[in-house]
N, C-alpha and C. Protein backbone atom coordinates (compact mmCIF):
# COMPACT_ATOMS: atom_id res chain seq x y z
N MET A 1 123.57 148.01 109.74
CA MET A 1 122.35 146.98 109.54
C MET A 1 121.71 146.43 110.53
N SER A 2 120.62 146.60 111.02
CA SER A 2 120.11 146.30 111.97
C SER A 2 119.08 145.18 111.92
N ALA A 3 119.15 144.07 112.35
CA ALA A 3 118.53 142.92 112.37
C ALA A 3 117.21 142.67 113.32
N GLU A 4 116.42 142.95 112.76
CA GLU A 4 114.81 142.93 113.27
C GLU A 4 114.77 141.45 113.84
N SER A 5 115.07 140.47 113.09
CA SER A 5 114.84 139.00 113.76
C SER A 5 116.22 138.34 112.40
N ILE A 6 116.32 137.17 113.34
CA ILE A 6 117.17 136.17 112.52
C ILE A 6 116.80 134.99 112.66
N ILE A 7 116.35 134.57 111.14
CA ILE A 7 115.05 133.38 111.08
C ILE A 7 116.38 132.01 110.76
N ASN A 8 116.14 130.70 111.05
CA ASN A 8 116.87 129.79 110.93
C ASN A 8 115.98 128.95 109.46
N ARG A 9 116.07 129.19 108.41
CA ARG A 9 115.38 128.79 107.23
C ARG A 9 116.11 126.98 107.00
N LYS A 10 116.99 126.96 107.34
CA LYS A 10 117.26 125.48 107.22
C LYS A 10 116.40 124.72 108.25
N ALA A 11 116.23 124.80 109.27
CA ALA A 11 115.23 124.19 110.05
C ALA A 11 113.84 124.21 109.54
N LEU A 12 113.52 124.71 109.09
CA LEU A 12 112.07 124.29 108.40
C LEU A 12 112.20 124.11 107.12
N ARG A 13 113.46 123.74 106.63
CA ARG A 13 113.51 123.00 105.48
C ARG A 13 113.61 121.59 105.60
N ASP A 14 114.33 121.45 106.83
CA ASP A 14 114.73 119.77 107.23
C ASP A 14 114.04 119.31 108.34
N PHE A 15 112.62 120.06 109.07
CA PHE A 15 112.16 119.62 110.25
C PHE A 15 110.87 119.97 109.95
N HIS A 16 109.91 118.87 110.74
CA HIS A 16 108.26 119.11 110.99
C HIS A 16 108.25 119.90 112.35
N VAL A 17 108.04 121.02 112.23
CA VAL A 17 107.73 121.47 113.70
C VAL A 17 106.52 121.16 114.51
N LEU A 18 106.53 120.67 115.63
CA LEU A 18 105.17 120.12 116.05
C LEU A 18 104.93 121.07 117.28
N GLU A 19 105.84 121.73 118.05
CA GLU A 19 105.06 122.86 118.96
C GLU A 19 106.04 123.77 118.96
N ARG A 20 105.82 125.07 119.48
CA ARG A 20 106.88 126.35 119.69
C ARG A 20 106.89 126.66 120.85
N TYR A 21 107.94 127.20 121.63
CA TYR A 21 108.14 127.87 122.37
C TYR A 21 109.07 128.87 122.85
N GLU A 22 108.73 130.13 123.61
CA GLU A 22 109.80 131.75 123.50
C GLU A 22 110.67 131.28 124.79
N ALA A 23 111.83 131.51 124.38
CA ALA A 23 112.95 131.61 125.60
C ALA A 23 113.72 132.83 125.69
N GLY A 24 114.18 133.09 126.68
CA GLY A 24 115.48 134.16 126.90
C GLY A 24 116.69 133.70 126.73
N ILE A 25 117.39 134.38 126.58
CA ILE A 25 118.79 133.62 126.33
C ILE A 25 119.97 134.96 127.17
N GLU A 26 120.45 134.04 128.05
CA GLU A 26 121.69 134.85 128.90
C GLU A 26 123.13 134.88 128.04
N LEU A 27 123.12 136.43 127.70
CA LEU A 27 124.23 136.75 127.05
C LEU A 27 125.04 137.82 127.69
N LYS A 28 126.17 138.05 127.15
CA LYS A 28 127.51 139.03 127.40
C LYS A 28 127.03 139.92 126.65
N GLY A 29 127.36 141.45 127.50
CA GLY A 29 127.07 143.02 126.92
C GLY A 29 127.17 142.68 125.26
N SER A 30 128.77 142.55 124.82
CA SER A 30 128.78 142.65 123.37
C SER A 30 128.45 141.72 122.34
N GLU A 31 127.56 140.47 122.99
CA GLU A 31 126.65 139.82 122.58
C GLU A 31 125.78 140.34 121.76
N VAL A 32 124.96 141.07 122.72
CA VAL A 32 123.76 141.76 122.39
C VAL A 32 124.21 142.76 121.23
N LYS A 33 125.09 143.88 121.36
CA LYS A 33 125.47 144.65 120.12
C LYS A 33 125.71 144.12 119.30
N SER A 34 126.39 142.67 119.27
CA SER A 34 126.74 142.18 118.03
C SER A 34 125.52 141.45 116.99
N ILE A 35 124.45 140.98 117.90
CA ILE A 35 123.08 140.71 117.27
C ILE A 35 122.36 141.75 116.80
N ARG A 36 122.51 142.48 117.59
CA ARG A 36 121.52 144.29 117.21
C ARG A 36 122.17 144.61 115.50
N ALA A 37 123.68 144.24 115.63
CA ALA A 37 124.26 144.49 114.30
C ALA A 37 123.89 143.49 112.87
N GLY A 38 123.37 142.57 113.43
CA GLY A 38 123.10 141.22 112.56
C GLY A 38 124.12 140.08 112.61
N LYS A 39 124.96 140.09 113.74
CA LYS A 39 126.46 139.20 113.15
C LYS A 39 126.02 137.86 113.81
N ALA A 40 124.79 137.22 113.77
CA ALA A 40 124.29 136.14 114.22
C ALA A 40 124.07 135.16 113.32
N ASN A 41 124.23 134.03 113.46
CA ASN A 41 123.95 132.44 112.72
C ASN A 41 123.61 131.52 113.78
N ILE A 42 122.15 131.31 112.93
CA ILE A 42 121.60 130.07 114.01
C ILE A 42 121.10 128.94 113.20
N SER A 43 121.89 128.61 111.88
CA SER A 43 121.48 127.72 110.60
C SER A 43 121.49 126.42 111.52
N ASP A 44 122.57 126.08 112.50
CA ASP A 44 123.14 124.70 112.97
C ASP A 44 122.76 124.83 114.60
N ALA A 45 121.65 125.69 114.91
CA ALA A 45 121.57 125.73 116.46
C ALA A 45 120.80 124.94 116.89
N PHE A 46 120.61 124.37 118.15
CA PHE A 46 120.08 123.37 118.91
C PHE A 46 119.95 123.65 120.47
N ALA A 47 119.00 123.13 120.83
CA ALA A 47 118.99 123.03 122.58
C ALA A 47 119.10 122.15 122.99
N ARG A 48 119.40 121.82 124.45
CA ARG A 48 119.51 120.56 125.04
C ARG A 48 118.98 121.08 126.58
N ILE A 49 118.49 119.89 127.06
CA ILE A 49 118.07 119.75 128.45
C ILE A 49 118.83 119.17 129.02
N GLU A 50 119.87 119.72 129.99
CA GLU A 50 120.61 119.06 130.80
C GLU A 50 120.59 119.36 132.39
N ASN A 51 120.37 118.42 133.15
CA ASN A 51 120.63 118.82 134.33
C ASN A 51 119.69 120.04 134.89
N GLY A 52 118.16 119.69 134.60
CA GLY A 52 117.09 120.56 134.68
C GLY A 52 117.19 121.73 134.27
N GLU A 53 118.06 122.25 133.16
CA GLU A 53 118.53 123.48 132.51
C GLU A 53 118.35 123.40 131.21
N ALA A 54 118.33 124.71 130.52
CA ALA A 54 118.07 124.62 128.92
C ALA A 54 119.59 125.00 128.41
N PHE A 55 119.97 124.76 127.80
CA PHE A 55 121.56 125.54 127.13
C PHE A 55 121.25 125.58 125.41
N LEU A 56 121.58 126.50 124.95
CA LEU A 56 122.10 126.78 123.22
C LEU A 56 123.15 126.15 122.56
N TYR A 57 123.11 125.55 121.64
CA TYR A 57 124.25 124.98 121.13
C TYR A 57 124.68 125.69 119.63
N ASN A 58 125.88 125.76 119.27
CA ASN A 58 126.02 126.03 118.25
C ASN A 58 125.13 127.27 117.11
N ALA A 59 125.21 128.36 118.36
CA ALA A 59 124.75 129.54 117.60
C ALA A 59 125.69 130.47 117.78
N ASP A 60 125.91 130.64 116.34
CA ASP A 60 127.22 131.70 116.28
C ASP A 60 127.19 132.82 116.09
N ILE A 61 127.39 133.62 117.31
CA ILE A 61 127.47 134.93 117.31
C ILE A 61 129.11 135.62 117.48
N GLN A 62 129.05 136.42 116.39
CA GLN A 62 130.34 137.05 116.38
C GLN A 62 130.75 137.96 117.23
N PRO A 63 132.22 137.90 117.82
CA PRO A 63 132.52 139.13 118.88
C PRO A 63 132.42 140.64 117.94
N TYR A 64 131.71 141.52 118.97
CA TYR A 64 131.43 142.58 118.27
C TYR A 64 132.90 143.24 118.64
N GLU A 65 133.30 144.01 117.01
CA GLU A 65 134.40 144.43 116.88
C GLU A 65 134.91 145.81 118.05
N LYS A 66 133.98 146.57 118.59
CA LYS A 66 134.35 147.63 119.10
C LYS A 66 134.44 147.31 120.63
N ALA A 67 134.24 145.65 121.14
CA ALA A 67 134.22 145.57 122.48
C ALA A 67 135.65 145.84 123.00
N SER A 68 135.33 146.50 124.20
CA SER A 68 136.84 146.80 124.80
C SER A 68 137.48 145.94 125.70
N HIS A 69 136.80 145.04 126.11
CA HIS A 69 137.12 143.44 127.19
C HIS A 69 136.50 142.73 127.32
N GLU A 70 136.69 141.37 127.45
CA GLU A 70 135.97 140.38 127.57
C GLU A 70 135.17 140.04 126.49
N ILE A 71 135.96 139.24 125.45
CA ILE A 71 135.19 139.06 124.12
C ILE A 71 134.98 137.57 124.26
N PRO A 72 133.81 137.00 124.41
CA PRO A 72 133.19 135.60 124.39
C PRO A 72 133.64 135.07 123.13
N ALA A 73 133.75 133.86 123.50
CA ALA A 73 133.60 132.82 122.11
C ALA A 73 132.62 133.02 121.59
N ALA A 74 132.57 132.89 119.96
CA ALA A 74 131.54 132.69 119.27
C ALA A 74 130.39 131.59 119.23
N LYS A 75 130.73 130.49 119.50
CA LYS A 75 130.06 129.38 119.46
C LYS A 75 130.12 128.55 121.18
N ARG A 76 130.22 129.91 122.08
CA ARG A 76 130.13 129.02 123.16
C ARG A 76 128.42 128.23 123.70
N VAL A 77 128.31 127.72 124.73
CA VAL A 77 127.08 127.52 125.04
C VAL A 77 126.38 128.66 126.08
N ARG A 78 125.32 128.77 125.81
CA ARG A 78 124.45 129.68 125.81
C ARG A 78 123.26 128.81 126.79
N LYS A 79 123.03 129.78 128.21
CA LYS A 79 121.66 129.40 128.84
C LYS A 79 120.59 129.70 128.79
N LEU A 80 119.66 129.16 128.05
CA LEU A 80 118.09 129.37 128.01
C LEU A 80 117.48 129.80 129.14
N LEU A 81 116.37 130.86 129.10
CA LEU A 81 116.02 131.03 130.17
C LEU A 81 114.42 130.53 130.09
N LEU A 82 114.03 129.63 130.53
CA LEU A 82 112.59 129.18 130.67
C LEU A 82 111.98 129.15 131.93
N HIS A 83 110.63 128.76 132.30
CA HIS A 83 110.00 128.62 133.42
C HIS A 83 110.38 126.62 133.60
N ARG A 84 110.54 126.74 134.92
CA ARG A 84 110.73 124.96 135.16
C ARG A 84 109.68 124.28 134.71
N GLN A 85 108.21 124.55 134.46
CA GLN A 85 107.73 123.89 133.95
C GLN A 85 107.65 123.54 132.67
N GLU A 86 107.99 124.57 131.90
CA GLU A 86 108.18 124.63 130.37
C GLU A 86 109.44 123.87 130.09
N ILE A 87 110.33 123.75 130.95
CA ILE A 87 111.91 122.87 130.94
C ILE A 87 111.36 121.29 131.38
N ASP A 88 110.46 121.45 131.97
CA ASP A 88 109.86 119.88 131.97
C ASP A 88 109.15 119.49 131.16
N GLN A 89 108.25 120.05 130.75
CA GLN A 89 107.53 119.74 129.57
C GLN A 89 108.38 119.36 128.04
N LEU A 90 109.66 120.25 127.96
CA LEU A 90 110.62 120.37 126.98
C LEU A 90 111.34 118.87 127.08
N TYR A 91 111.69 118.61 128.49
CA TYR A 91 112.55 117.68 128.39
C TYR A 91 111.59 116.11 128.17
N GLY A 92 110.42 116.03 128.58
CA GLY A 92 109.50 115.10 127.69
C GLY A 92 109.42 114.62 126.64
N GLU A 93 108.98 116.29 125.89
CA GLU A 93 109.36 115.99 124.41
C GLU A 93 110.30 115.26 123.83
N THR A 94 111.43 115.68 124.01
CA THR A 94 112.68 115.28 123.54
C THR A 94 113.07 114.02 123.73
N GLN A 95 112.47 113.52 124.67
CA GLN A 95 112.65 112.12 125.03
C GLN A 95 111.99 111.02 124.13
N VAL A 96 110.60 111.27 123.41
CA VAL A 96 110.67 110.70 122.11
C VAL A 96 111.41 110.46 121.15
N ALA A 97 111.40 109.17 120.61
CA ALA A 97 112.63 109.18 119.69
C ALA A 97 112.08 110.11 118.28
N GLY A 98 113.71 110.83 118.08
CA GLY A 98 113.29 111.27 116.59
C GLY A 98 112.95 112.67 116.51
N ARG A 99 112.70 113.11 118.31
CA ARG A 99 112.12 114.52 118.18
C ARG A 99 113.53 115.54 118.75
N ALA A 100 113.94 116.59 118.42
CA ALA A 100 114.82 117.46 118.69
C ALA A 100 114.45 118.89 118.84
N LEU A 101 115.34 119.57 119.75
CA LEU A 101 114.86 121.24 120.14
C LEU A 101 115.90 121.72 118.91
N VAL A 102 115.05 122.58 118.43
CA VAL A 102 115.61 123.68 116.88
C VAL A 102 115.38 124.66 117.49
N VAL A 103 116.51 125.77 117.10
CA VAL A 103 116.23 127.38 117.24
C VAL A 103 115.45 127.73 115.97
N LEU A 104 114.56 128.05 115.91
CA LEU A 104 113.82 128.43 114.71
C LEU A 104 114.02 130.45 114.29
N LYS A 105 114.18 130.83 115.31
CA LYS A 105 114.12 132.14 115.00
C LYS A 105 114.87 132.91 116.42
N LEU A 106 115.46 134.24 116.32
CA LEU A 106 115.72 135.12 117.25
C LEU A 106 115.13 136.49 116.60
N TYR A 107 114.88 137.20 117.86
CA TYR A 107 113.88 138.18 117.70
C TYR A 107 113.98 138.94 118.89
N TRP A 108 113.58 140.34 118.81
CA TRP A 108 113.51 141.38 119.95
C TRP A 108 112.38 141.72 120.40
N LYS A 109 112.20 141.35 121.73
CA LYS A 109 110.64 141.76 122.42
C LYS A 109 110.81 142.38 123.67
N SER A 110 110.24 143.68 123.56
CA SER A 110 110.50 144.60 124.69
C SER A 110 111.89 144.87 125.16
N GLY A 111 112.61 145.00 124.14
CA GLY A 111 114.01 145.34 124.27
C GLY A 111 114.79 144.08 124.67
N LYS A 112 114.12 143.04 125.14
CA LYS A 112 115.15 141.59 125.13
C LYS A 112 114.84 140.75 123.90
N LEU A 113 116.20 139.70 123.98
CA LEU A 113 116.39 138.98 122.89
C LEU A 113 115.73 137.71 123.38
N LYS A 114 114.82 136.89 122.39
CA LYS A 114 114.15 135.93 122.88
C LYS A 114 114.48 135.00 121.59
N ALA A 115 114.31 133.61 121.93
CA ALA A 115 114.40 132.50 120.91
C ALA A 115 113.29 131.78 120.87
N GLU A 116 113.09 131.74 119.65
CA GLU A 116 111.78 130.90 119.52
C GLU A 116 112.29 129.64 119.12
N LEU A 117 111.88 128.59 119.97
CA LEU A 117 112.45 126.74 119.95
C LEU A 117 111.67 126.39 119.29
N GLY A 118 111.85 125.33 118.58
CA GLY A 118 110.35 124.45 118.42
C GLY A 118 110.95 122.62 118.34
N VAL A 119 109.60 122.17 118.98
CA VAL A 119 110.17 120.53 119.05
C VAL A 119 109.52 119.83 117.73
N ALA A 120 110.98 119.66 117.31
CA ALA A 120 110.67 119.05 115.69
C ALA A 120 111.08 117.74 115.56
N HIS A 121 110.56 117.26 114.69
CA HIS A 121 110.92 115.98 114.23
C HIS A 121 111.41 115.92 112.52
N GLY A 122 112.55 115.32 112.06
CA GLY A 122 113.34 115.38 111.10
C GLY A 122 112.58 114.88 109.99
N LYS A 123 112.42 115.76 108.77
CA LYS A 123 112.27 115.14 107.60
C LYS A 123 112.72 114.29 106.92
N VAL A 124 112.32 113.13 106.04
CA VAL A 124 112.74 112.28 105.40
C VAL A 124 112.67 112.69 103.75
N ALA A 125 113.68 112.64 103.17
CA ALA A 125 113.73 113.12 101.50
C ALA A 125 112.20 113.02 100.76
N ARG A 126 111.66 112.17 101.10
CA ARG A 126 110.29 112.30 100.15
C ARG A 126 109.45 113.23 100.71
N ASP A 127 109.23 113.56 102.24
CA ASP A 127 108.77 114.65 102.72
C ASP A 127 109.49 116.06 101.91
N LYS A 128 110.44 115.96 101.60
CA LYS A 128 111.11 117.35 101.00
C LYS A 128 110.83 117.34 99.71
N ARG A 129 110.92 116.07 99.28
CA ARG A 129 110.33 116.59 97.40
C ARG A 129 108.67 116.59 97.62
N ALA A 130 107.96 116.45 98.55
CA ALA A 130 106.56 116.91 98.75
C ALA A 130 106.46 118.46 98.66
N ASP A 131 107.24 118.51 99.42
CA ASP A 131 107.18 120.23 100.00
C ASP A 131 107.59 121.40 98.47
N LEU A 132 108.68 120.54 98.17
CA LEU A 132 108.94 121.23 96.89
C LEU A 132 108.25 121.21 95.98
N LYS A 133 107.45 120.08 95.58
CA LYS A 133 106.31 119.96 94.74
C LYS A 133 105.20 120.84 95.01
N LYS A 134 104.54 120.87 96.09
CA LYS A 134 103.67 121.73 96.61
C LYS A 134 104.08 123.39 96.42
N ARG A 135 105.03 123.67 96.61
CA ARG A 135 105.55 125.00 96.42
C ARG A 135 105.72 125.34 94.87
N ALA A 136 105.98 124.62 93.96
CA ALA A 136 105.81 124.74 92.56
C ALA A 136 104.72 124.82 92.15
N ILE A 137 103.46 124.08 92.44
CA ILE A 137 102.47 124.27 92.28
C ILE A 137 101.80 125.41 92.56
N ASP A 138 101.95 125.80 94.30
CA ASP A 138 101.33 127.50 94.58
C ASP A 138 101.95 128.16 93.82
N ARG A 139 103.30 128.22 93.51
CA ARG A 139 103.73 129.20 92.48
C ARG A 139 103.11 129.61 91.19
N GLU A 140 102.93 128.19 90.75
CA GLU A 140 102.45 128.21 89.25
C GLU A 140 100.91 128.79 89.40
N THR A 141 100.29 128.34 90.33
CA THR A 141 98.48 128.82 90.76
C THR A 141 98.72 130.59 90.92
N ALA A 142 99.53 130.82 91.61
CA ALA A 142 99.72 132.27 91.99
C ALA A 142 99.77 133.00 90.60
N ARG A 143 100.80 132.51 89.84
CA ARG A 143 101.23 133.07 88.56
C ARG A 143 99.72 133.09 87.64
N GLU A 144 98.91 131.93 87.37
CA GLU A 144 97.85 131.88 86.66
C GLU A 144 96.81 132.81 86.98
N VAL A 145 96.40 133.01 88.40
CA VAL A 145 95.59 133.74 89.02
C VAL A 145 96.20 135.66 88.86
N ALA A 146 97.47 135.66 89.01
CA ALA A 146 97.52 136.83 88.37
C ALA A 146 97.32 137.39 87.28
N ARG A 147 97.94 136.55 86.31
CA ARG A 147 97.35 136.63 84.53
C ARG A 147 96.18 136.70 84.67
N PHE A 148 95.42 135.88 85.20
CA PHE A 148 93.89 135.87 84.93
C PHE A 148 93.18 137.35 85.34
N ASN A 149 94.08 137.88 86.29
CA ASN A 149 93.22 139.41 87.04
C ASN A 149 93.73 140.32 86.16
N ARG A 150 94.83 140.35 85.41
CA ARG A 150 95.48 141.24 84.75
C ARG A 150 94.57 141.29 83.45
N LYS A 151 94.20 140.08 83.03
CA LYS A 151 93.41 140.15 81.82
C LYS A 151 92.19 140.59 82.03
N HIS A 152 91.54 139.96 83.21
CA HIS A 152 90.02 140.55 83.35
C HIS A 152 89.83 141.40 84.55
N GLY A 153 90.87 141.65 84.99
CA GLY A 153 90.37 143.06 86.04
C GLY A 153 90.35 144.32 85.84
């Protein structure tokens, strides 16, 4: 099963995404094969800027079964590859209270793995309820439109 992209659905549910950035990830060889096989989980993954560098935390990339040597830890800290200007901008964004860098998606671009980072602000319970209500209304509207089109189309 080849994974085209790995999406963090939990992040979109729990956060308002304000801005999105694309970053490369520094990986070991067996980790690349493992991600291609779809053995990655980013539901709890986040990024942090430390000493002028960006790092990825809690990304769970399971070891590749057929790796012959050097099997890295599944939840090790990985370096993110960004331009200096982007790192400085992200650092400034995360210094605002209540904002975090969350990993929204891992995907392949020109044969290289990229991470989509989002500068996000946490949702409160009432925001989540409003989202659920809006989704239910949209679903009901789509049903009614489809029913009308079947009847009159």
